[in-house]
Each structure stands twice: as structure tokens, then as C-alpha cells.
Amino acid sequence: QVQLVESGGGLVQPGGSLRLSCVASGITFSIYKMSWYRQASGKQRELVAAITSDSDTNYADSVKGRFTISRDNANNTLFLQMNSLNSEDTGVYYCFAENRRFGRYWGQGTQITVSS
């Protein structure tokens, strides 16, 4: 079955950095558009960043210049490098895989808390 397993979350001080990883199994990773979403407490889930199968990227305005999404197709892994973190980045971060023909899948999420 399809699994998307996120890791790398945790507690970080404002201004700090974290790198999230998402390892995919059960899909042909390279043909999927991959995204990171986040959900803060009491808020709707929102797109943070996405990367297509051709490695085109797009970012939410709130993270442009601070976050970088990348992928390693050889190892079925999606990354999110997050720098200059602030309290508004706190939330659960989810990995999302989508392909028009083969479907959509979510990871279980990883918590990020930015606090001093």
C-alpha cells in the first residue's frame, strides 16, 4: 500500500531551521507532484510548497525566500528546508502526493513548534 512518512519535525526557537523529509513507498515517486501542507491549530490546512515531476516549484507567499522544497527521485524522498522560522510557522506539516491518473495520498503529519 501507499505510505508517505514524514520526519524532521520538533521544537525550534524563532529564527532557527529545520529540514523535513517525506519518504514515499508504494508509488512511482518520480511521476507524482509532491507538496507540503501545514495546518495550524484552529485553522484550515494550507499549501506551503509544491514541486512537480519536472521539479518546477511554487511557494506560499508567507514562506518565499525562507523555505526550499526539493526531491530525490532515486530515494523516493521529498524535502522541505525551513529557515528563519517564526511562530506563525507552527503547525502540523503534511506530505502530499498527487497524480491525475493514479490518485492522491497524504502522510500522517509531523508537528513543528516554533517557540522560545
C-alpha atoms as a PDB file:
ATOM      1  CA  GLN A   1       0.000   0.000   0.000  1.00  0.00           C
ATOM      2  CA  VAL A   2       0.980   3.626  -0.342  1.00  0.00           C
ATOM      3  CA  GLN A   3       2.843   5.202   2.550  1.00  0.00           C
ATOM      4  CA  LEU A   4       4.160   8.709   2.988  1.00  0.00           C
ATOM      5  CA  VAL A   5       6.225   9.006   6.150  1.00  0.00           C
ATOM      6  CA  GLU A   6       7.296  12.428   7.346  1.00  0.00           C
ATOM      7  CA  SER A   7      10.130  13.098   9.755  1.00  0.00           C
ATOM      8  CA  GLY A   8      12.215  16.002  10.998  1.00  0.00           C
ATOM      9  CA  GLY A   9       9.663  17.934  12.990  1.00  0.00           C
ATOM     10  CA  GLY A  10      10.117  19.161  16.523  1.00  0.00           C
ATOM     11  CA  LEU A  11      10.595  22.214  18.700  1.00  0.00           C
ATOM     12  CA  VAL A  12      12.752  25.034  17.379  1.00  0.00           C
ATOM     13  CA  GLN A  13      13.476  28.570  18.531  1.00  0.00           C
ATOM     14  CA  PRO A  14      12.424  31.564  16.446  1.00  0.00           C
ATOM     15  CA  GLY A  15      14.984  32.207  13.753  1.00  0.00           C
ATOM     16  CA  GLY A  16      16.026  28.579  13.703  1.00  0.00           C
ATOM     17  CA  SER A  17      15.970  25.988  10.936  1.00  0.00           C
ATOM     18  CA  LEU A  18      14.547  22.541  10.356  1.00  0.00           C
ATOM     19  CA  ARG A  19      14.588  20.092   7.490  1.00  0.00           C
ATOM     20  CA  LEU A  20      11.599  17.886   6.890  1.00  0.00           C
ATOM     21  CA  SER A  21      11.735  14.644   4.956  1.00  0.00           C
ATOM     22  CA  CYS A  22       8.982  12.541   3.459  1.00  0.00           C
ATOM     23  CA  VAL A  23       9.773   9.042   2.292  1.00  0.00           C
ATOM     24  CA  ALA A  24       7.289   7.534  -0.126  1.00  0.00           C
ATOM     25  CA  SER A  25       6.608   3.885  -0.810  1.00  0.00           C
ATOM     26  CA  GLY A  26       4.030   2.087  -2.918  1.00  0.00           C
ATOM     27  CA  ILE A  27       4.038   4.734  -5.652  1.00  0.00           C
ATOM     28  CA  THR A  28       6.202   5.613  -8.629  1.00  0.00           C
ATOM     29  CA  PHE A  29       7.503   8.658  -6.830  1.00  0.00           C
ATOM     30  CA  SER A  30       9.071  10.395  -9.805  1.00  0.00           C
ATOM     31  CA  ILE A  31       5.766  10.865 -11.650  1.00  0.00           C
ATOM     32  CA  TYR A  32       3.934  12.480  -8.739  1.00  0.00           C
ATOM     33  CA  LYS A  33       3.600  16.130  -7.972  1.00  0.00           C
ATOM     34  CA  MET A  34       4.673  16.447  -4.338  1.00  0.00           C
ATOM     35  CA  SER A  35       3.661  19.092  -1.869  1.00  0.00           C
ATOM     36  CA  TRP A  36       3.971  20.165   1.724  1.00  0.00           C
ATOM     37  CA  TYR A  37       0.890  21.426   3.502  1.00  0.00           C
ATOM     38  CA  ARG A  38       0.534  22.657   7.046  1.00  0.00           C
ATOM     39  CA  GLN A  39      -2.289  23.101   9.481  1.00  0.00           C
ATOM     40  CA  ALA A  40      -2.144  25.365  12.485  1.00  0.00           C
ATOM     41  CA  SER A  41      -4.431  24.777  15.428  1.00  0.00           C
ATOM     42  CA  GLY A  42      -7.923  26.029  14.609  1.00  0.00           C
ATOM     43  CA  LYS A  43      -7.049  26.857  11.011  1.00  0.00           C
ATOM     44  CA  GLN A  44      -7.531  25.245   7.644  1.00  0.00           C
ATOM     45  CA  ARG A  45      -4.815  23.205   6.020  1.00  0.00           C
ATOM     46  CA  GLU A  46      -2.789  25.339   3.611  1.00  0.00           C
ATOM     47  CA  LEU A  47      -0.292  24.737   0.867  1.00  0.00           C
ATOM     48  CA  VAL A  48       3.274  25.575   1.842  1.00  0.00           C
ATOM     49  CA  ALA A  49       5.234  24.468  -1.213  1.00  0.00           C
ATOM     50  CA  ALA A  50       4.947  22.152  -4.187  1.00  0.00           C
ATOM     51  CA  ILE A  51       7.279  20.553  -6.687  1.00  0.00           C
ATOM     52  CA  THR A  52       6.202  18.953  -9.926  1.00  0.00           C
ATOM     53  CA  SER A  53       7.606  15.829 -11.530  1.00  0.00           C
ATOM     54  CA  ASP A  54       9.696  18.210 -13.652  1.00  0.00           C
ATOM     55  CA  SER A  55      10.949  19.914 -10.473  1.00  0.00           C
ATOM     56  CA  ASP A  56       9.091  23.153 -11.041  1.00  0.00           C
ATOM     57  CA  THR A  57       8.367  24.710  -7.671  1.00  0.00           C
ATOM     58  CA  ASN A  58       5.933  27.127  -6.123  1.00  0.00           C
ATOM     59  CA  TYR A  59       5.610  28.531  -2.636  1.00  0.00           C
ATOM     60  CA  ALA A  60       3.119  30.237  -0.417  1.00  0.00           C
ATOM     61  CA  ASP A  61       3.917  33.932  -0.158  1.00  0.00           C
ATOM     62  CA  SER A  62       4.457  33.566   3.579  1.00  0.00           C
ATOM     63  CA  VAL A  63       7.416  31.210   3.111  1.00  0.00           C
ATOM     64  CA  LYS A  64       9.055  32.529  -0.058  1.00  0.00           C
ATOM     65  CA  GLY A  65      12.732  33.162   0.483  1.00  0.00           C
ATOM     66  CA  ARG A  66      12.767  31.116   3.694  1.00  0.00           C
ATOM     67  CA  PHE A  67      11.694  27.599   2.663  1.00  0.00           C
ATOM     68  CA  THR A  68      13.036  25.384  -0.099  1.00  0.00           C
ATOM     69  CA  ILE A  69      11.299  22.300  -1.417  1.00  0.00           C
ATOM     70  CA  SER A  70      13.286  19.607  -3.201  1.00  0.00           C
ATOM     71  CA  ARG A  71      13.033  15.979  -4.171  1.00  0.00           C
ATOM     72  CA  ASP A  72      15.317  12.975  -4.551  1.00  0.00           C
ATOM     73  CA  ASN A  73      13.631  10.637  -7.001  1.00  0.00           C
ATOM     74  CA  ALA A  74      16.320   7.985  -6.632  1.00  0.00           C
ATOM     75  CA  ASN A  75      15.417   7.628  -2.951  1.00  0.00           C
ATOM     76  CA  ASN A  76      11.695   8.428  -3.161  1.00  0.00           C
ATOM     77  CA  THR A  77      12.169  11.331  -0.780  1.00  0.00           C
ATOM     78  CA  LEU A  78      10.724  14.813  -0.558  1.00  0.00           C
ATOM     79  CA  PHE A  79      12.398  17.542   1.487  1.00  0.00           C
ATOM     80  CA  LEU A  80      11.491  20.898   2.942  1.00  0.00           C
ATOM     81  CA  GLN A  81      14.322  23.072   4.194  1.00  0.00           C
ATOM     82  CA  MET A  82      12.892  25.702   6.528  1.00  0.00           C
ATOM     83  CA  ASN A  83      14.960  28.682   7.632  1.00  0.00           C
ATOM     84  CA  SER A  84      14.202  31.794   9.663  1.00  0.00           C
ATOM     85  CA  LEU A  85      11.299  30.077  11.360  1.00  0.00           C
ATOM     86  CA  ASN A  86       8.780  32.131  13.297  1.00  0.00           C
ATOM     87  CA  SER A  87       5.791  31.388  15.470  1.00  0.00           C
ATOM     88  CA  GLU A  88       3.412  31.542  12.507  1.00  0.00           C
ATOM     89  CA  ASP A  89       5.163  28.503  11.062  1.00  0.00           C
ATOM     90  CA  THR A  90       3.923  26.385  13.965  1.00  0.00           C
ATOM     91  CA  GLY A  91       1.628  23.570  12.944  1.00  0.00           C
ATOM     92  CA  VAL A  92       1.392  20.044  11.640  1.00  0.00           C
ATOM     93  CA  TYR A  93       3.175  19.599   8.322  1.00  0.00           C
ATOM     94  CA  TYR A  94       1.866  17.057   5.854  1.00  0.00           C
ATOM     95  CA  CYS A  95       3.374  15.473   2.800  1.00  0.00           C
ATOM     96  CA  PHE A  96       1.012  15.135  -0.175  1.00  0.00           C
ATOM     97  CA  ALA A  97       1.414  13.170  -3.388  1.00  0.00           C
ATOM     98  CA  GLU A  98      -0.826  13.627  -6.401  1.00  0.00           C
ATOM     99  CA  ASN A  99      -1.035  12.236  -9.887  1.00  0.00           C
ATOM    100  CA  ARG A 100      -4.056  12.774 -12.139  1.00  0.00           C
ATOM    101  CA  ARG A 101      -4.124   9.153 -13.189  1.00  0.00           C
ATOM    102  CA  PHE A 102      -3.066   7.348 -10.029  1.00  0.00           C
ATOM    103  CA  GLY A 103      -4.559   9.378  -7.230  1.00  0.00           C
ATOM    104  CA  ARG A 104      -3.767  11.432  -4.166  1.00  0.00           C
ATOM    105  CA  TYR A 105      -2.171  10.462  -0.877  1.00  0.00           C
ATOM    106  CA  TRP A 106      -1.435  12.127   2.448  1.00  0.00           C
ATOM    107  CA  GLY A 107       1.188  11.451   5.048  1.00  0.00           C
ATOM    108  CA  GLN A 108       0.374  11.293   8.730  1.00  0.00           C
ATOM    109  CA  GLY A 109       1.943  14.660   9.519  1.00  0.00           C
ATOM    110  CA  THR A 110       4.755  15.903  11.695  1.00  0.00           C
ATOM    111  CA  GLN A 111       4.464  18.624  14.336  1.00  0.00           C
ATOM    112  CA  ILE A 112       6.594  21.745  14.199  1.00  0.00           C
ATOM    113  CA  THR A 113       6.552  24.146  17.106  1.00  0.00           C
ATOM    114  CA  VAL A 114       8.418  27.432  16.910  1.00  0.00           C
ATOM    115  CA  SER A 115       8.804  28.849  20.380  1.00  0.00           C
ATOM    116  CA  SER A 116      11.383  30.291  22.715  1.00  0.00           C
END
